[in-house]
């Protein structure tokens, strides 16, 4: 019972904070923000596409190094484990 009354009191208090004026103002801000989207300049679009191709190129070249290194580290770990069991 006490929890329900606390929840009801909190909801009543929160309801008093949001008035009709504040709700209307928030709605107006939301509409202004949604209608104010500007297109990116051509230079920015080219920069992003260049950056995307550079990142793709770097990731492609990284896979050629990462896979052999991972296999090498696993091989070293297995070799150490086998060497420790032999002694």
N, C-alpha and C. Protein backbone atom coordinates (compact mmCIF):
# COMPACT_ATOMS: atom_id res chain seq x y z
N UNK A 1 0.81 -1.19 0.00
CA UNK A 1 0.00 0.00 0.00
C UNK A 1 0.85 1.26 0.00
N UNK A 2 1.90 1.23 0.80
CA UNK A 2 2.74 2.42 0.90
C UNK A 2 3.44 2.71 -0.42
N UNK A 3 3.86 1.63 -1.10
CA UNK A 3 4.55 1.82 -2.37
C UNK A 3 3.62 2.44 -3.40
N UNK A 4 2.36 2.00 -3.41
CA UNK A 4 1.41 2.55 -4.36
C UNK A 4 1.16 4.03 -4.11
N UNK A 5 1.06 4.40 -2.86
CA UNK A 5 0.82 5.81 -2.56
C UNK A 5 2.04 6.66 -2.91
N UNK A 6 3.24 6.08 -2.73
CA UNK A 6 4.45 6.82 -3.11
C UNK A 6 4.51 7.01 -4.62
N UNK A 7 4.14 5.95 -5.35
CA UNK A 7 4.14 6.05 -6.82
C UNK A 7 3.11 7.06 -7.28
N UNK A 8 1.93 7.02 -6.69
CA UNK A 8 0.88 7.99 -7.06
C UNK A 8 1.31 9.42 -6.75
N UNK A 9 1.96 9.60 -5.61
CA UNK A 9 2.42 10.94 -5.25
C UNK A 9 3.49 11.42 -6.23
N UNK A 10 4.40 10.51 -6.61
CA UNK A 10 5.44 10.89 -7.57
C UNK A 10 4.85 11.22 -8.93
N UNK A 11 3.85 10.45 -9.35
CA UNK A 11 3.21 10.72 -10.63
C UNK A 11 2.46 12.04 -10.61
N UNK A 12 1.80 12.33 -9.51
CA UNK A 12 1.08 13.60 -9.39
C UNK A 12 2.06 14.77 -9.41
N UNK A 13 3.19 14.58 -8.75
CA UNK A 13 4.21 15.63 -8.73
C UNK A 13 4.79 15.84 -10.12
N UNK A 14 5.05 14.76 -10.85
CA UNK A 14 5.58 14.86 -12.20
C UNK A 14 4.56 15.48 -13.14
N UNK A 15 3.30 15.19 -12.94
CA UNK A 15 2.25 15.77 -13.78
C UNK A 15 2.16 17.26 -13.60
N UNK A 16 2.44 17.76 -12.42
CA UNK A 16 2.39 19.19 -12.17
C UNK A 16 3.55 19.90 -12.85
N UNK A 17 4.64 19.18 -13.09
CA UNK A 17 5.81 19.79 -13.73
C UNK A 17 5.55 20.04 -15.20
N UNK A 18 4.85 19.12 -15.87
CA UNK A 18 4.57 19.26 -17.30
C UNK A 18 3.23 19.96 -17.47
N UNK A 19 3.29 21.23 -17.80
CA UNK A 19 2.06 22.00 -18.00
C UNK A 19 1.75 22.06 -19.49
N UNK A 20 0.61 22.60 -19.82
CA UNK A 20 0.20 22.70 -21.22
C UNK A 20 1.14 23.62 -22.00
N UNK A 21 1.59 24.70 -21.37
CA UNK A 21 2.51 25.62 -22.05
C UNK A 21 3.83 24.93 -22.37
N UNK A 22 4.34 24.19 -21.41
CA UNK A 22 5.62 23.50 -21.62
C UNK A 22 5.48 22.42 -22.69
N UNK A 23 4.37 21.73 -22.71
CA UNK A 23 4.15 20.70 -23.72
C UNK A 23 4.06 21.33 -25.11
N UNK A 24 3.37 22.46 -25.24
CA UNK A 24 3.26 23.14 -26.53
C UNK A 24 4.61 23.67 -26.98
N UNK A 25 5.38 24.21 -26.05
CA UNK A 25 6.71 24.72 -26.38
C UNK A 25 7.62 23.58 -26.82
N UNK A 26 7.56 22.46 -26.13
CA UNK A 26 8.37 21.30 -26.51
C UNK A 26 7.98 20.77 -27.87
N UNK A 27 6.68 20.74 -28.17
CA UNK A 27 6.23 20.31 -29.48
C UNK A 27 6.69 21.24 -30.58
N UNK A 28 6.67 22.55 -30.32
CA UNK A 28 7.15 23.52 -31.31
C UNK A 28 8.64 23.34 -31.56
N UNK A 29 9.40 23.12 -30.50
CA UNK A 29 10.84 22.89 -30.67
C UNK A 29 11.11 21.62 -31.46
N UNK A 30 10.34 20.58 -31.20
CA UNK A 30 10.50 19.32 -31.92
C UNK A 30 10.20 19.50 -33.40
N UNK A 31 9.15 20.24 -33.73
CA UNK A 31 8.82 20.47 -35.14
C UNK A 31 9.88 21.32 -35.82
N UNK A 32 10.41 22.32 -35.12
CA UNK A 32 11.45 23.17 -35.71
C UNK A 32 12.72 22.36 -35.95
N UNK A 33 13.05 21.49 -35.02
CA UNK A 33 14.27 20.70 -35.17
C UNK A 33 14.13 19.68 -36.30
N UNK A 34 12.95 19.12 -36.48
CA UNK A 34 12.78 18.11 -37.53
C UNK A 34 12.75 18.75 -38.91
N UNK A 35 12.31 19.99 -39.01
CA UNK A 35 12.24 20.63 -40.32
C UNK A 35 13.53 21.35 -40.69
N UNK A 36 14.46 21.45 -39.76
CA UNK A 36 15.68 22.21 -40.02
C UNK A 36 16.85 21.28 -40.32
N UNK A 37 16.68 20.39 -41.28
CA UNK A 37 17.82 19.56 -41.66
C UNK A 37 18.38 20.09 -42.98
N UNK A 38 19.62 20.45 -42.96
CA UNK A 38 20.26 21.01 -44.14
C UNK A 38 21.07 19.92 -44.84
N UNK A 39 21.20 20.04 -46.14
CA UNK A 39 22.00 19.08 -46.90
C UNK A 39 23.48 19.36 -46.67
N UNK A 40 24.26 18.29 -46.67
CA UNK A 40 25.70 18.44 -46.51
C UNK A 40 26.30 19.08 -47.76
N UNK A 41 27.30 19.92 -47.59
CA UNK A 41 27.98 20.46 -48.76
C UNK A 41 28.68 19.35 -49.54
N UNK A 42 28.92 19.60 -50.81
CA UNK A 42 29.55 18.60 -51.69
C UNK A 42 30.94 18.22 -51.19
N UNK A 43 31.68 19.18 -50.65
CA UNK A 43 33.03 18.92 -50.16
C UNK A 43 32.98 17.95 -48.97
N UNK A 44 32.01 18.12 -48.09
CA UNK A 44 31.89 17.22 -46.94
C UNK A 44 31.52 15.82 -47.39
N UNK A 45 30.65 15.71 -48.38
CA UNK A 45 30.27 14.40 -48.90
C UNK A 45 31.47 13.69 -49.51
N UNK A 46 32.27 14.43 -50.27
CA UNK A 46 33.48 13.85 -50.86
C UNK A 46 34.48 13.43 -49.79
N UNK A 47 34.61 14.25 -48.75
CA UNK A 47 35.54 13.91 -47.67
C UNK A 47 35.11 12.63 -46.97
N UNK A 48 33.81 12.48 -46.71
CA UNK A 48 33.33 11.27 -46.05
C UNK A 48 33.51 10.04 -46.94
N UNK A 49 33.28 10.18 -48.23
CA UNK A 49 33.46 9.03 -49.12
C UNK A 49 34.93 8.66 -49.23
N UNK A 50 35.82 9.66 -49.25
CA UNK A 50 37.26 9.38 -49.27
C UNK A 50 37.69 8.70 -47.98
N UNK A 51 37.18 9.18 -46.87
CA UNK A 51 37.50 8.57 -45.58
C UNK A 51 36.99 7.13 -45.51
N UNK A 52 35.80 6.89 -46.01
CA UNK A 52 35.23 5.54 -46.00
C UNK A 52 36.07 4.59 -46.84
N UNK A 53 36.52 5.04 -48.00
CA UNK A 53 37.35 4.17 -48.84
C UNK A 53 38.71 3.92 -48.19
N UNK A 54 39.25 4.93 -47.50
CA UNK A 54 40.52 4.76 -46.80
C UNK A 54 40.39 3.75 -45.66
N UNK A 55 39.30 3.84 -44.90
CA UNK A 55 39.08 2.91 -43.80
C UNK A 55 38.91 1.49 -44.33
N UNK A 56 38.17 1.34 -45.42
CA UNK A 56 37.98 0.02 -46.02
C UNK A 56 39.31 -0.55 -46.48
N UNK A 57 40.14 0.28 -47.08
CA UNK A 57 41.46 -0.16 -47.54
C UNK A 57 42.34 -0.59 -46.37
N UNK A 58 42.31 0.18 -45.29
CA UNK A 58 43.12 -0.16 -44.11
C UNK A 58 42.64 -1.47 -43.47
N UNK A 59 41.33 -1.66 -43.37
CA UNK A 59 40.81 -2.90 -42.80
C UNK A 59 41.18 -4.10 -43.65
N UNK A 60 41.14 -3.93 -44.96
CA UNK A 60 41.50 -5.03 -45.85
C UNK A 60 42.96 -5.41 -45.68
N UNK A 61 43.83 -4.43 -45.58
CA UNK A 61 45.25 -4.74 -45.41
C UNK A 61 45.56 -5.25 -44.01
N UNK A 62 44.76 -4.88 -43.03
CA UNK A 62 44.99 -5.35 -41.66
C UNK A 62 44.69 -6.83 -41.52
N UNK A 63 43.68 -7.33 -42.24
CA UNK A 63 43.35 -8.76 -42.14
C UNK A 63 44.51 -9.63 -42.57
N UNK A 64 45.29 -9.18 -43.54
CA UNK A 64 46.44 -9.95 -44.00
C UNK A 64 47.52 -10.08 -42.95
N UNK A 65 47.54 -9.18 -41.99
CA UNK A 65 48.54 -9.22 -40.92
C UNK A 65 47.96 -9.85 -39.66
N UNK A 66 46.71 -9.55 -39.36
CA UNK A 66 46.10 -9.99 -38.10
C UNK A 66 45.93 -11.51 -38.03
N UNK A 67 45.53 -12.13 -39.12
CA UNK A 67 45.30 -13.58 -39.11
C UNK A 67 46.59 -14.35 -38.86
N UNK A 68 47.69 -14.09 -39.60
CA UNK A 68 48.92 -14.83 -39.31
C UNK A 68 49.47 -14.57 -37.90
N UNK A 69 49.31 -13.33 -37.41
CA UNK A 69 49.79 -13.04 -36.05
C UNK A 69 48.99 -13.82 -35.02
N UNK A 70 47.68 -13.89 -35.20
CA UNK A 70 46.84 -14.65 -34.26
C UNK A 70 47.20 -16.13 -34.29
N UNK A 71 47.37 -16.68 -35.47
CA UNK A 71 47.77 -18.08 -35.59
C UNK A 71 49.14 -18.29 -34.96
N UNK A 72 50.05 -17.35 -35.15
CA UNK A 72 51.38 -17.46 -34.55
C UNK A 72 51.33 -17.43 -33.03
N UNK A 73 50.53 -16.52 -32.47
CA UNK A 73 50.42 -16.46 -31.01
C UNK A 73 49.80 -17.74 -30.44
N UNK A 74 48.81 -18.27 -31.12
CA UNK A 74 48.21 -19.53 -30.66
C UNK A 74 49.23 -20.66 -30.75
N UNK A 75 50.01 -20.68 -31.84
CA UNK A 75 51.05 -21.70 -31.99
C UNK A 75 52.10 -21.61 -30.90
N UNK A 76 52.53 -20.40 -30.56
CA UNK A 76 53.52 -20.22 -29.50
C UNK A 76 52.95 -20.70 -28.17
N UNK A 77 51.69 -20.38 -27.90
CA UNK A 77 51.07 -20.80 -26.65
C UNK A 77 50.99 -22.33 -26.57
N UNK A 78 50.59 -22.96 -27.67
CA UNK A 78 50.53 -24.42 -27.67
C UNK A 78 51.91 -25.05 -27.53
N UNK A 79 52.91 -24.44 -28.15
CA UNK A 79 54.28 -24.96 -28.03
C UNK A 79 54.76 -24.86 -26.59
N UNK A 80 54.48 -23.72 -25.93
CA UNK A 80 54.87 -23.56 -24.53
C UNK A 80 54.17 -24.59 -23.65
N UNK A 81 52.88 -24.80 -23.92
CA UNK A 81 52.13 -25.77 -23.13
C UNK A 81 52.72 -27.17 -23.30
N UNK A 82 53.06 -27.54 -24.52
CA UNK A 82 53.67 -28.85 -24.77
C UNK A 82 55.05 -28.96 -24.16
N UNK A 83 55.83 -27.88 -24.22
CA UNK A 83 57.18 -27.90 -23.64
C UNK A 83 57.12 -28.01 -22.12
N UNK A 84 56.15 -27.37 -21.50
CA UNK A 84 56.02 -27.46 -20.04
C UNK A 84 55.57 -28.85 -19.60
N UNK A 85 54.75 -29.52 -20.39
CA UNK A 85 54.32 -30.87 -20.04
C UNK A 85 55.46 -31.87 -20.22
N UNK A 86 56.36 -31.61 -21.14
CA UNK A 86 57.47 -32.53 -21.40
C UNK A 86 58.50 -32.49 -20.29
N UNK A 87 58.60 -31.38 -19.59
CA UNK A 87 59.63 -31.29 -18.53
C UNK A 87 59.10 -31.65 -17.18
